[in-house]
């Protein structure tokens, strides 16, 4: 995919152009491993797979981005955490392959997620899904775009298309639950948020322990498309903190968001 196929909005535009080019290069490199035999190992006490392609994409992103912005910090799923990032005003927050399990299984729903976070908030973000030939992008004061065209959340109807795990759906308040058409599992959390941003679904409930790198770029894209990602008490997320994982979250827009958050509050008891 051409690195110059997508228009760039005026603020934080140089950083957006930088991360877009790096994400496309890394994603296309990862695509070279897709549906082929590759080395896979397990981390986090055997709970999370990491493939050869994750590491190759991470190296490309880290090399290109920090060479261009040596004063920025770095936070990536595939790099040991360096707490010096906490002293940096601006940080790259990266997931080289969001949806690694899907990638390993040969499923299309994975993406490269890259955000620039400034003073705790994402200001430029890119999601590149190479197997789908899709790029989502936004800056903090520009439009959210998919393959160059502006996107927006949809107006919620009586029936809500919500991506939520089946075990969580049964714990939501019953009146809300009765309005939900459950969307089957979307293995990439970042891509799931992008599906809200471009109007394919109305919302999602995010389980505990999602990390900054899963969320930062998609959070910005969703917000610029008219939606929001919030904690269950309605608070926006802050990034590049000492602790980089989060509790239960909800994402949607307008009244759909307020209804989802209210219905999801029982989850905090579990």
Protein backbone atom coordinates (compact mmCIF):
# COMPACT_ATOMS: atom_id res chain seq x y z
CA UNK A 1 0.00 0.00 0.00
CA UNK A 2 1.30 3.43 -0.89
CA UNK A 3 2.58 5.48 2.04
CA UNK A 4 1.33 8.65 0.33
CA UNK A 5 -2.24 7.52 -0.38
CA UNK A 6 -3.78 9.22 2.65
CA UNK A 7 -4.22 12.92 3.32
CA UNK A 8 -2.69 14.43 6.43
CA UNK A 9 -4.40 17.08 8.58
CA UNK A 10 -2.49 20.17 9.64
CA UNK A 11 -1.71 19.73 13.36
CA UNK A 12 0.71 17.04 14.52
CA UNK A 13 0.82 16.31 10.80
CA UNK A 14 4.53 15.59 10.68
CA UNK A 15 4.22 13.01 13.46
CA UNK A 16 1.19 11.48 11.77
CA UNK A 17 3.07 11.23 8.49
CA UNK A 18 6.00 9.63 10.33
CA UNK A 19 3.96 7.00 12.16
CA UNK A 20 1.85 6.27 9.08
CA UNK A 21 4.92 5.51 6.99
CA UNK A 22 6.47 3.41 9.77
CA UNK A 23 3.23 1.48 10.40
CA UNK A 24 2.87 0.65 6.70
CA UNK A 25 6.47 -0.54 6.48
CA UNK A 26 6.14 -2.65 9.63
CA UNK A 27 2.75 -4.02 8.65
CA UNK A 28 3.88 -4.99 5.18
CA UNK A 29 6.88 -6.76 6.71
CA UNK A 30 4.58 -8.66 9.07
CA UNK A 31 2.34 -9.55 6.14
CA UNK A 32 5.29 -11.40 4.63
CA UNK A 33 5.02 -13.91 7.52
CA UNK A 34 1.23 -14.17 7.43
CA UNK A 35 -0.15 -17.68 6.84
CA UNK A 36 3.37 -19.06 6.72
CA UNK A 37 5.41 -21.15 9.13
CA UNK A 38 7.09 -18.92 11.71
CA UNK A 39 8.64 -19.07 15.15
CA UNK A 40 6.16 -18.49 18.00
CA UNK A 41 6.98 -18.32 21.69
CA UNK A 42 4.93 -17.61 24.80
CA UNK A 43 5.33 -14.84 27.35
CA UNK A 44 3.54 -13.71 30.52
CA UNK A 45 3.74 -17.19 32.03
CA UNK A 46 2.43 -18.81 28.86
CA UNK A 47 -0.64 -16.59 28.50
CA UNK A 48 0.38 -14.51 25.48
CA UNK A 49 1.95 -15.60 22.18
CA UNK A 50 4.57 -13.55 20.39
CA UNK A 51 5.52 -14.40 16.83
CA UNK A 52 8.62 -13.79 14.79
CA UNK A 53 6.60 -11.21 12.86
CA UNK A 54 5.75 -9.25 16.06
CA UNK A 55 9.44 -8.82 16.79
CA UNK A 56 10.38 -7.89 13.23
CA UNK A 57 7.61 -5.27 13.11
CA UNK A 58 8.63 -3.94 16.51
CA UNK A 59 12.24 -3.53 15.41
CA UNK A 60 11.19 -1.64 12.28
CA UNK A 61 8.94 0.70 14.25
CA UNK A 62 11.43 1.36 17.01
CA UNK A 63 14.30 1.94 14.61
CA UNK A 64 12.43 4.31 12.32
CA UNK A 65 10.48 6.25 14.94
CA UNK A 66 13.23 6.85 17.49
CA UNK A 67 15.72 7.71 14.78
CA UNK A 68 13.34 10.46 13.66
CA UNK A 69 12.32 11.57 17.17
CA UNK A 70 15.17 10.72 19.59
CA UNK A 71 13.65 12.92 22.30
CA UNK A 72 10.42 10.89 22.43
CA UNK A 73 9.86 8.04 24.87
CA UNK A 74 8.97 4.49 23.85
CA UNK A 75 6.30 2.09 25.12
CA UNK A 76 5.66 -1.12 23.18
CA UNK A 77 4.15 -4.48 23.97
CA UNK A 78 7.25 -6.17 22.56
CA UNK A 79 9.94 -4.10 24.29
CA UNK A 80 10.94 -4.36 27.95
CA UNK A 81 9.53 -1.31 29.71
CA UNK A 82 12.00 1.52 30.19
CA UNK A 83 10.70 3.83 32.90
CA UNK A 84 12.62 6.74 31.41
CA UNK A 85 9.50 7.14 29.25
CA UNK A 86 7.83 8.66 32.32
CA UNK A 87 10.21 11.61 32.11
CA UNK A 88 9.33 12.30 28.46
CA UNK A 89 6.60 14.74 27.51
CA UNK A 90 5.88 12.86 24.28
CA UNK A 91 5.97 9.08 23.81
CA UNK A 92 5.40 6.56 21.03
CA UNK A 93 2.90 3.91 22.18
CA UNK A 94 3.06 0.87 19.93
CA UNK A 95 1.57 -2.56 19.40
CA UNK A 96 3.45 -4.09 16.44
CA UNK A 97 0.65 -6.63 15.90
CA UNK A 98 -2.59 -6.14 17.78
CA UNK A 99 -4.38 -9.45 17.44
CA UNK A 100 -1.37 -11.78 17.46
CA UNK A 101 -3.52 -14.85 18.08
CA UNK A 102 -5.55 -14.05 14.96
CA UNK A 103 -2.35 -13.42 13.00
CA UNK A 104 -0.92 -16.80 14.01
CA UNK A 105 -4.24 -18.50 13.16
CA UNK A 106 -4.26 -16.94 9.68
CA UNK A 107 -7.23 -14.67 10.34
CA UNK A 108 -7.36 -11.20 8.78
CA UNK A 109 -8.37 -9.17 11.86
CA UNK A 110 -5.01 -7.89 13.12
CA UNK A 111 -3.37 -4.51 12.79
CA UNK A 112 -0.34 -2.41 13.58
CA UNK A 113 -1.20 0.23 16.19
CA UNK A 114 0.96 3.32 16.62
CA UNK A 115 0.15 6.44 18.66
CA UNK A 116 1.98 9.59 19.64
CA UNK A 117 1.01 10.41 23.23
CA UNK A 118 1.68 13.93 24.51
CA UNK A 119 1.24 14.75 28.21
CA UNK A 120 -0.82 11.60 28.70
CA UNK A 121 -3.16 12.02 25.74
CA UNK A 122 -2.93 10.61 22.19
CA UNK A 123 -2.38 13.34 19.61
CA UNK A 124 -1.70 11.26 16.49
CA UNK A 125 -2.73 7.69 15.82
CA UNK A 126 -2.62 5.09 13.05
CA UNK A 127 -4.06 1.60 12.72
CA UNK A 128 -2.89 -0.37 9.70
CA UNK A 129 -4.61 -3.67 8.88
CA UNK A 130 -2.46 -5.06 6.04
CA UNK A 131 -4.51 -8.19 5.37
CA UNK A 132 -7.57 -5.98 4.85
CA UNK A 133 -5.77 -3.11 3.06
CA UNK A 134 -7.19 -0.66 5.60
CA UNK A 135 -5.60 2.36 7.26
CA UNK A 136 -7.30 4.37 10.01
CA UNK A 137 -5.72 7.64 11.10
CA UNK A 138 -6.39 10.78 13.12
CA UNK A 139 -4.79 13.70 14.89
CA UNK A 140 -6.17 15.39 17.96
CA UNK A 141 -7.57 18.32 15.99
CA UNK A 142 -8.30 16.61 12.67
CA UNK A 143 -10.83 14.23 11.17
CA UNK A 144 -10.76 10.48 11.65
CA UNK A 145 -10.16 8.81 8.31
CA UNK A 146 -10.25 5.34 6.84
CA UNK A 147 -8.31 4.90 3.59
CA UNK A 148 -8.41 8.66 3.15
CA UNK A 149 -12.17 9.16 3.62
CA UNK A 150 -13.69 10.78 6.70
CA UNK A 151 -15.50 8.38 9.04
CA UNK A 152 -18.03 8.85 11.82
CA UNK A 153 -19.90 6.78 14.36
CA UNK A 154 -23.44 5.83 13.49
CA UNK A 155 -26.65 6.94 15.17
CA UNK A 156 -27.73 4.20 17.56
CA UNK A 157 -31.14 2.61 17.04
CA UNK A 158 -33.34 0.48 19.28
CA UNK A 159 -31.16 -2.57 18.60
CA UNK A 160 -27.51 -2.05 19.54
CA UNK A 161 -24.70 -3.92 17.81
CA UNK A 162 -22.24 -4.44 20.65
CA UNK A 163 -19.01 -6.43 20.67
CA UNK A 164 -18.98 -8.06 24.10
CA UNK A 165 -17.77 -11.39 25.40
CA UNK A 166 -20.62 -13.82 25.98
CA UNK A 167 -19.71 -14.27 29.64
CA UNK A 168 -19.84 -10.49 30.18
CA UNK A 169 -23.10 -10.01 28.32
CA UNK A 170 -24.92 -12.10 30.91
CA UNK A 171 -23.70 -9.77 33.66
CA UNK A 172 -25.04 -6.57 32.11
CA UNK A 173 -28.30 -5.04 33.31
CA UNK A 174 -31.22 -6.94 31.81
CA UNK A 175 -33.10 -4.05 30.11
CA UNK A 176 -29.94 -3.06 28.25
CA UNK A 177 -29.07 -6.67 27.47
CA UNK A 178 -32.42 -7.12 25.74
CA UNK A 179 -31.47 -4.40 23.24
CA UNK A 180 -28.12 -5.95 22.32
CA UNK A 181 -27.27 -7.86 19.17
CA UNK A 182 -23.96 -9.41 20.21
CA UNK A 183 -21.17 -9.12 17.65
CA UNK A 184 -18.93 -12.21 17.44
CA UNK A 185 -15.44 -11.99 18.87
CA UNK A 186 -13.13 -9.45 17.21
CA UNK A 187 -9.59 -10.60 18.08
CA UNK A 188 -7.94 -7.17 17.75
CA UNK A 189 -9.15 -4.73 20.40
CA UNK A 190 -7.80 -1.77 18.44
CA UNK A 191 -9.66 -2.89 15.32
CA UNK A 192 -12.84 -3.41 17.36
CA UNK A 193 -12.71 0.25 18.42
CA UNK A 194 -12.14 1.23 14.79
CA UNK A 195 -15.35 -0.64 13.88
CA UNK A 196 -17.23 1.74 16.18
CA UNK A 197 -15.44 4.70 14.64
CA UNK A 198 -16.50 3.80 11.09
CA UNK A 199 -20.08 2.97 12.06
CA UNK A 200 -20.14 -0.80 11.65
CA UNK A 201 -21.04 -1.42 15.28
CA UNK A 202 -22.43 0.68 18.13
CA UNK A 203 -20.15 -0.18 21.02
CA UNK A 204 -17.98 -2.58 22.93
CA UNK A 205 -17.20 -3.63 26.48
CA UNK A 206 -13.48 -4.06 27.13
CA UNK A 207 -12.33 -6.59 29.72
CA UNK A 208 -9.88 -5.70 32.46
CA UNK A 209 -6.16 -5.49 31.70
CA UNK A 210 -6.21 -3.90 28.27
CA UNK A 211 -2.94 -2.00 27.90
CA UNK A 212 -1.95 1.42 26.61
CA UNK A 213 -0.61 -0.09 23.38
CA UNK A 214 -3.97 -1.79 22.68
CA UNK A 215 -5.90 1.43 23.12
CA UNK A 216 -4.08 4.72 22.52
CA UNK A 217 -4.26 5.00 18.73
CA UNK A 218 -7.79 3.60 18.49
CA UNK A 219 -8.98 5.82 21.36
CA UNK A 220 -7.96 8.91 19.39
CA UNK A 221 -9.46 7.67 16.12
CA UNK A 222 -12.74 6.85 17.86
CA UNK A 223 -12.92 10.22 19.60
CA UNK A 224 -12.31 12.12 16.34
CA UNK A 225 -15.08 10.04 14.72
CA UNK A 226 -17.56 11.19 17.39
CA UNK A 227 -17.30 8.38 19.92
CA UNK A 228 -15.47 7.86 23.19
CA UNK A 229 -13.64 5.25 25.22
CA UNK A 230 -14.24 5.56 28.95
CA UNK A 231 -13.82 3.81 32.26
CA UNK A 232 -17.12 2.56 33.68
CA UNK A 233 -17.40 5.69 35.83
CA UNK A 234 -17.23 7.80 32.68
CA UNK A 235 -13.64 9.02 32.99
CA UNK A 236 -11.34 9.39 29.96
CA UNK A 237 -8.15 7.36 29.89
CA UNK A 238 -4.68 8.71 30.57
CA UNK A 239 -1.64 7.10 28.99
CA UNK A 240 2.06 6.71 29.73
CA UNK A 241 1.55 6.23 33.46
CA UNK A 242 3.63 3.91 35.66
CA UNK A 243 0.83 1.32 35.37
CA UNK A 244 -0.11 0.80 31.73
CA UNK A 245 -3.12 -1.48 32.07
CA UNK A 246 -6.73 -0.48 32.67
CA UNK A 247 -9.91 -1.76 34.29
CA UNK A 248 -13.22 -2.52 32.57
CA UNK A 249 -13.94 0.01 29.81
CA UNK A 250 -16.81 0.92 27.54
CA UNK A 251 -16.77 2.50 24.08
CA UNK A 252 -19.65 3.95 22.05
CA UNK A 253 -21.09 7.37 21.26
CA UNK A 254 -23.73 9.71 22.68
CA UNK A 255 -26.63 8.09 24.52
CA UNK A 256 -25.36 4.66 23.48
CA UNK A 257 -22.23 5.29 25.55
CA UNK A 258 -24.07 6.46 28.66
CA UNK A 259 -26.42 3.47 28.45
CA UNK A 260 -23.54 1.03 27.95
CA UNK A 261 -21.56 2.42 30.90
CA UNK A 262 -24.58 2.33 33.20
CA UNK A 263 -25.42 -1.24 32.20
CA UNK A 264 -21.81 -2.36 32.64
CA UNK A 265 -21.26 -1.12 36.19
CA UNK A 266 -22.18 -4.51 37.72
CA UNK A 267 -19.00 -5.87 36.09
CA UNK A 268 -16.86 -4.06 38.64
CA UNK A 269 -18.16 -6.44 41.30
CA UNK A 270 -16.67 -9.42 39.46
